[in-house]
N, C-alpha and C. Protein backbone atom coordinates (compact mmCIF):
# COMPACT_ATOMS: atom_id res chain seq x y z
N MET A 1 0.69 -1.22 0.13
CA MET A 1 0.08 -0.01 -0.11
C MET A 1 0.84 1.35 -0.16
N GLU A 2 0.71 2.24 -0.79
CA GLU A 2 1.29 3.64 -0.87
C GLU A 2 1.13 4.47 0.31
N GLN A 3 2.09 5.13 0.73
CA GLN A 3 1.98 6.08 1.88
C GLN A 3 0.78 7.18 1.61
N VAL A 4 0.12 7.39 2.36
CA VAL A 4 -0.87 8.83 2.19
C VAL A 4 -0.03 9.94 2.93
N LEU A 5 0.12 10.82 2.04
CA LEU A 5 0.85 11.95 2.86
C LEU A 5 0.04 13.23 3.26
N ALA A 6 -1.03 12.84 3.99
CA ALA A 6 -2.02 13.57 4.59
C ALA A 6 -2.81 13.23 5.64
N THR A 7 -3.20 13.82 6.58
CA THR A 7 -3.99 13.39 8.13
C THR A 7 -5.23 13.08 7.63
N ARG A 8 -5.88 13.87 6.64
CA ARG A 8 -7.16 13.73 6.13
C ARG A 8 -7.25 13.00 4.81
N SER A 9 -8.21 12.21 4.75
CA SER A 9 -8.49 11.44 3.48
C SER A 9 -10.00 11.46 2.96
N VAL A 10 -10.17 11.12 1.85
CA VAL A 10 -11.59 11.11 1.23
C VAL A 10 -11.50 10.14 -0.24
N SER A 11 -12.64 9.20 -0.23
CA SER A 11 -12.88 8.59 -1.56
C SER A 11 -13.08 9.53 -2.59
N ILE A 12 -12.76 9.15 -3.44
CA ILE A 12 -13.26 9.70 -5.05
C ILE A 12 -14.71 9.83 -5.09
N THR A 13 -15.35 8.76 -4.68
CA THR A 13 -17.03 8.70 -4.59
C THR A 13 -17.56 9.90 -3.71
N GLU A 14 -16.92 9.85 -2.35
CA GLU A 14 -17.45 11.01 -1.34
C GLU A 14 -16.94 12.38 -1.81
N LEU A 15 -16.03 12.63 -2.52
CA LEU A 15 -15.36 13.89 -2.96
C LEU A 15 -16.63 14.24 -4.11
N LYS A 16 -17.09 13.42 -5.01
CA LYS A 16 -17.99 13.70 -5.90
C LYS A 16 -19.35 13.96 -5.26
N ARG A 17 -19.65 13.64 -4.26
CA ARG A 17 -20.79 13.55 -3.74
C ARG A 17 -21.20 15.11 -3.11
N SER A 18 -19.99 15.34 -2.46
CA SER A 18 -20.21 16.55 -1.52
C SER A 18 -18.46 17.18 -1.82
N PRO A 19 -18.35 17.90 -2.55
CA PRO A 19 -17.02 18.44 -2.57
C PRO A 19 -16.89 19.60 -1.83
N SER A 20 -18.09 20.49 -1.51
CA SER A 20 -18.01 21.90 -0.58
C SER A 20 -17.73 21.13 0.83
N ALA A 21 -18.44 20.02 1.10
CA ALA A 21 -18.11 19.54 2.55
C ALA A 21 -16.84 19.11 2.92
N VAL A 22 -16.30 18.42 2.02
CA VAL A 22 -14.75 17.88 1.93
C VAL A 22 -14.02 19.30 2.12
N LEU A 23 -14.10 20.12 1.46
CA LEU A 23 -13.24 21.40 1.51
C LEU A 23 -13.55 22.18 2.70
N GLU A 24 -14.80 22.14 3.42
CA GLU A 24 -14.99 22.80 4.52
C GLU A 24 -14.66 22.15 5.61
N GLN A 25 -14.58 21.08 5.77
CA GLN A 25 -14.15 19.88 6.89
C GLN A 25 -12.67 20.19 6.91
N ALA A 26 -12.09 20.27 5.79
CA ALA A 26 -10.54 19.99 5.75
C ALA A 26 -9.74 21.19 6.27
N GLY A 27 -10.54 22.54 5.97
CA GLY A 27 -9.83 23.85 6.47
C GLY A 27 -8.63 23.89 5.67
N SER A 28 -7.47 24.11 6.44
CA SER A 28 -6.27 24.54 5.75
C SER A 28 -5.47 23.45 5.63
N GLU A 29 -6.05 22.03 5.89
CA GLU A 29 -5.30 20.77 6.11
C GLU A 29 -5.37 20.44 4.43
N PRO A 30 -4.13 19.68 3.83
CA PRO A 30 -4.29 18.80 2.89
C PRO A 30 -5.12 17.29 2.95
N VAL A 31 -5.81 17.35 1.85
CA VAL A 31 -6.74 16.30 1.94
C VAL A 31 -6.19 15.09 0.66
N ALA A 32 -6.17 13.63 1.15
CA ALA A 32 -5.85 12.85 0.14
C ALA A 32 -6.91 12.24 -0.37
N VAL A 33 -7.08 12.33 -1.87
CA VAL A 33 -8.06 11.61 -2.29
C VAL A 33 -7.98 10.25 -2.75
N LEU A 34 -8.59 9.23 -2.29
CA LEU A 34 -8.22 7.80 -2.58
C LEU A 34 -9.08 7.36 -3.57
N ASN A 35 -8.47 6.44 -4.46
CA ASN A 35 -9.05 5.43 -5.52
C ASN A 35 -8.88 4.04 -5.04
N HIS A 36 -9.58 3.32 -4.45
CA HIS A 36 -9.25 1.97 -4.22
C HIS A 36 -8.31 1.86 -2.81
N ASN A 37 -8.54 2.88 -2.14
CA ASN A 37 -7.50 2.83 -0.92
C ASN A 37 -6.08 3.27 -1.26
N ARG A 38 -5.69 3.81 -2.46
CA ARG A 38 -4.47 4.26 -3.05
C ARG A 38 -4.66 5.88 -3.45
N PRO A 39 -3.71 6.77 -2.87
CA PRO A 39 -3.94 7.87 -2.96
C PRO A 39 -3.76 8.36 -4.74
N ALA A 40 -4.93 9.02 -5.04
CA ALA A 40 -5.08 9.60 -6.16
C ALA A 40 -4.78 10.69 -6.55
N ALA A 41 -4.87 11.51 -5.66
CA ALA A 41 -4.47 13.02 -5.89
C ALA A 41 -4.76 13.67 -4.26
N TYR A 42 -3.98 15.00 -4.52
CA TYR A 42 -3.96 15.63 -3.18
C TYR A 42 -4.83 16.99 -3.34
N LEU A 43 -5.62 17.40 -2.47
CA LEU A 43 -6.20 18.74 -2.54
C LEU A 43 -5.68 19.52 -1.44
N LEU A 44 -5.34 20.63 -1.93
CA LEU A 44 -4.50 21.91 -1.15
C LEU A 44 -5.30 23.09 -1.04
N PRO A 45 -5.58 23.92 0.08
CA PRO A 45 -6.30 25.23 -0.16
C PRO A 45 -5.19 25.80 -0.98
N PRO A 46 -5.85 27.08 -1.41
CA PRO A 46 -4.97 27.86 -2.42
C PRO A 46 -3.69 28.47 -1.72
N HIS A 47 -4.09 29.01 -0.56
CA HIS A 47 -2.85 29.57 0.18
C HIS A 47 -1.75 28.78 0.50
N VAL A 48 -2.03 27.52 0.76
CA VAL A 48 -1.15 26.30 1.11
C VAL A 48 -0.44 26.20 -0.55
N TYR A 49 -0.97 25.81 -1.43
CA TYR A 49 -0.33 25.74 -2.77
C TYR A 49 0.51 26.75 -2.83
N GLU A 50 0.16 28.24 -3.11
CA GLU A 50 1.04 29.30 -3.25
C GLU A 50 2.11 29.43 -2.65
N ALA A 51 2.09 29.00 -1.17
CA ALA A 51 3.24 29.02 -0.20
C ALA A 51 4.21 27.90 -0.60
N MET A 52 3.67 26.65 -1.29
CA MET A 52 4.60 25.74 -1.43
C MET A 52 5.09 26.15 -2.50
N LEU A 53 4.57 26.70 -3.62
CA LEU A 53 5.08 27.09 -4.96
C LEU A 53 6.42 28.04 -4.57
N GLU A 54 6.06 29.12 -3.74
CA GLU A 54 7.12 30.27 -3.18
C GLU A 54 8.13 29.59 -2.79
N ARG A 55 7.83 28.65 -1.84
CA ARG A 55 9.26 27.75 -1.05
C ARG A 55 10.09 27.30 -2.18
N LEU A 56 9.43 26.37 -3.19
CA LEU A 56 10.10 25.60 -4.10
C LEU A 56 10.66 26.72 -5.04
N ASN A 57 10.43 27.82 -5.47
CA ASN A 57 10.95 28.62 -6.13
C ASN A 57 12.12 29.37 -5.41
N ALA A 58 12.02 29.71 -4.34
CA ALA A 58 13.15 30.43 -3.52
C ALA A 58 14.47 29.31 -3.26
N ASP A 59 13.90 27.97 -3.04
CA ASP A 59 14.82 26.87 -2.75
C ASP A 59 15.44 26.82 -4.35
N LEU A 60 14.78 26.91 -5.48
CA LEU A 60 15.60 26.80 -6.64
C LEU A 60 16.64 27.59 -6.91
N ARG A 61 15.97 29.30 -6.59
CA ARG A 61 16.95 30.24 -6.80
C ARG A 61 18.23 30.04 -6.16
N LYS A 62 18.14 29.73 -4.85
CA LYS A 62 19.05 29.69 -4.09
C LYS A 62 20.18 28.27 -4.33
N ASP A 63 19.55 27.14 -5.03
CA ASP A 63 20.60 26.28 -5.38
C ASP A 63 21.16 26.50 -6.70
N ILE A 64 20.42 27.35 -7.58
CA ILE A 64 21.14 27.90 -8.74
C ILE A 64 22.22 28.80 -8.45
N GLN A 65 22.12 29.80 -7.64
CA GLN A 65 22.87 30.70 -7.33
C GLN A 65 24.18 29.97 -6.40
N GLU A 66 24.08 29.13 -5.81
CA GLU A 66 25.14 28.32 -4.99
C GLU A 66 26.02 27.81 -6.28
N GLY A 67 25.40 26.98 -7.04
CA GLY A 67 25.78 26.12 -8.37
C GLY A 67 26.77 27.14 -9.13
N ILE A 68 26.14 28.70 -9.42
CA ILE A 68 26.87 29.60 -10.19
C ILE A 68 28.37 30.21 -9.27
N ASP A 69 28.07 30.24 -8.15
CA ASP A 69 29.19 30.71 -7.21
C ASP A 69 30.06 29.49 -6.91
N SER A 70 29.82 28.44 -6.87
CA SER A 70 30.75 27.25 -6.36
C SER A 70 31.56 26.52 -7.41
N GLY A 71 31.55 26.93 -8.73
CA GLY A 71 32.21 26.09 -9.54
C GLY A 71 31.80 26.10 -11.13
N PRO A 72 32.30 24.81 -11.62
CA PRO A 72 32.15 24.78 -12.99
C PRO A 72 30.86 24.79 -13.42
N ALA A 73 30.35 25.03 -14.66
CA ALA A 73 29.15 25.15 -15.02
C ALA A 73 28.76 23.54 -15.46
N ILE A 74 27.29 23.28 -15.47
CA ILE A 74 27.02 21.60 -15.61
C ILE A 74 26.02 22.14 -16.86
N ALA A 75 26.40 21.28 -17.95
CA ALA A 75 25.69 20.91 -19.23
C ALA A 75 24.46 20.98 -18.71
N ALA A 76 23.56 21.57 -19.53
CA ALA A 76 21.82 21.60 -19.51
C ALA A 76 21.31 20.02 -19.73
N GLU A 77 22.17 19.62 -20.55
CA GLU A 77 21.68 17.98 -20.94
C GLU A 77 21.69 17.12 -19.63
N ASP A 78 22.96 17.32 -18.79
CA ASP A 78 23.03 16.60 -17.84
C ASP A 78 22.25 16.97 -16.59
N MET A 79 21.85 18.29 -16.66
CA MET A 79 20.97 18.89 -15.54
C MET A 79 19.52 18.31 -15.58
N PHE A 80 19.10 18.29 -16.96
CA PHE A 80 17.91 17.83 -17.23
C PHE A 80 17.66 16.32 -17.11
N ALA A 81 18.69 15.46 -17.43
CA ALA A 81 18.84 13.96 -17.20
C ALA A 81 18.54 14.02 -15.96
N GLU A 82 19.35 14.60 -14.64
CA GLU A 82 19.48 14.36 -13.46
C GLU A 82 18.02 14.90 -12.81
N LEU A 83 17.57 15.54 -13.31
CA LEU A 83 16.03 16.28 -12.76
C LEU A 83 15.13 15.05 -13.23
N ASN A 84 15.13 14.21 -14.57
CA ASN A 84 14.29 13.67 -15.15
C ASN A 84 14.38 12.02 -14.10
N THR A 85 15.83 12.02 -13.75
CA THR A 85 15.88 10.65 -12.93
C THR A 85 15.17 11.00 -11.61
N ARG A 86 15.74 11.98 -10.98
CA ARG A 86 15.07 12.28 -9.74
C ARG A 86 13.53 12.56 -9.16
N TYR A 87 12.94 13.20 -10.59
CA TYR A 87 11.41 13.38 -10.21
C TYR A 87 10.79 12.61 -11.21
N ALA A 88 11.14 11.70 -11.70
CA ALA A 88 10.23 11.03 -12.87
C ALA A 88 9.19 10.39 -12.28
N ASP A 89 8.05 10.05 -12.89
CA ASP A 89 6.69 9.91 -12.51
C ASP A 89 7.21 7.93 -12.31
N PRO A 90 6.97 7.55 -11.00
CA PRO A 90 7.35 6.01 -10.98
C PRO A 90 6.31 5.11 -11.85
N ALA A 91 5.32 5.57 -11.88
CA ALA A 91 4.47 4.79 -12.84
C ALA A 91 4.97 4.70 -14.20
N SER A 92 5.39 5.85 -14.80
CA SER A 92 5.74 5.58 -15.91
C SER A 92 7.17 5.20 -16.32
N ALA A 93 7.79 4.78 -15.14
CA ALA A 93 8.94 4.19 -15.37
C ALA A 93 8.86 2.76 -15.55
N SER A 94 7.86 2.20 -15.12
CA SER A 94 7.68 0.68 -15.42
C SER A 94 7.35 0.16 -16.89
């Protein structure tokens, strides 16, 4: 069974039945949407999603600047290959 990365979860059927109620009950917490007891998606409130993107962008800018300041350049092809390896969808890898 896959790990559910939220303290709240809801089935797709329940979400379809009453999306407003699910969002209202979740408040500021993420909600795992389950399909056959496996995570199919996560719902996030807009402010949480925006904060997450800002943090990712800030971390990326910091890492890029550190790379620029620390030494030799990395070929773009090598960087994209590394990113594809690191963040590839596990379902598409099989």
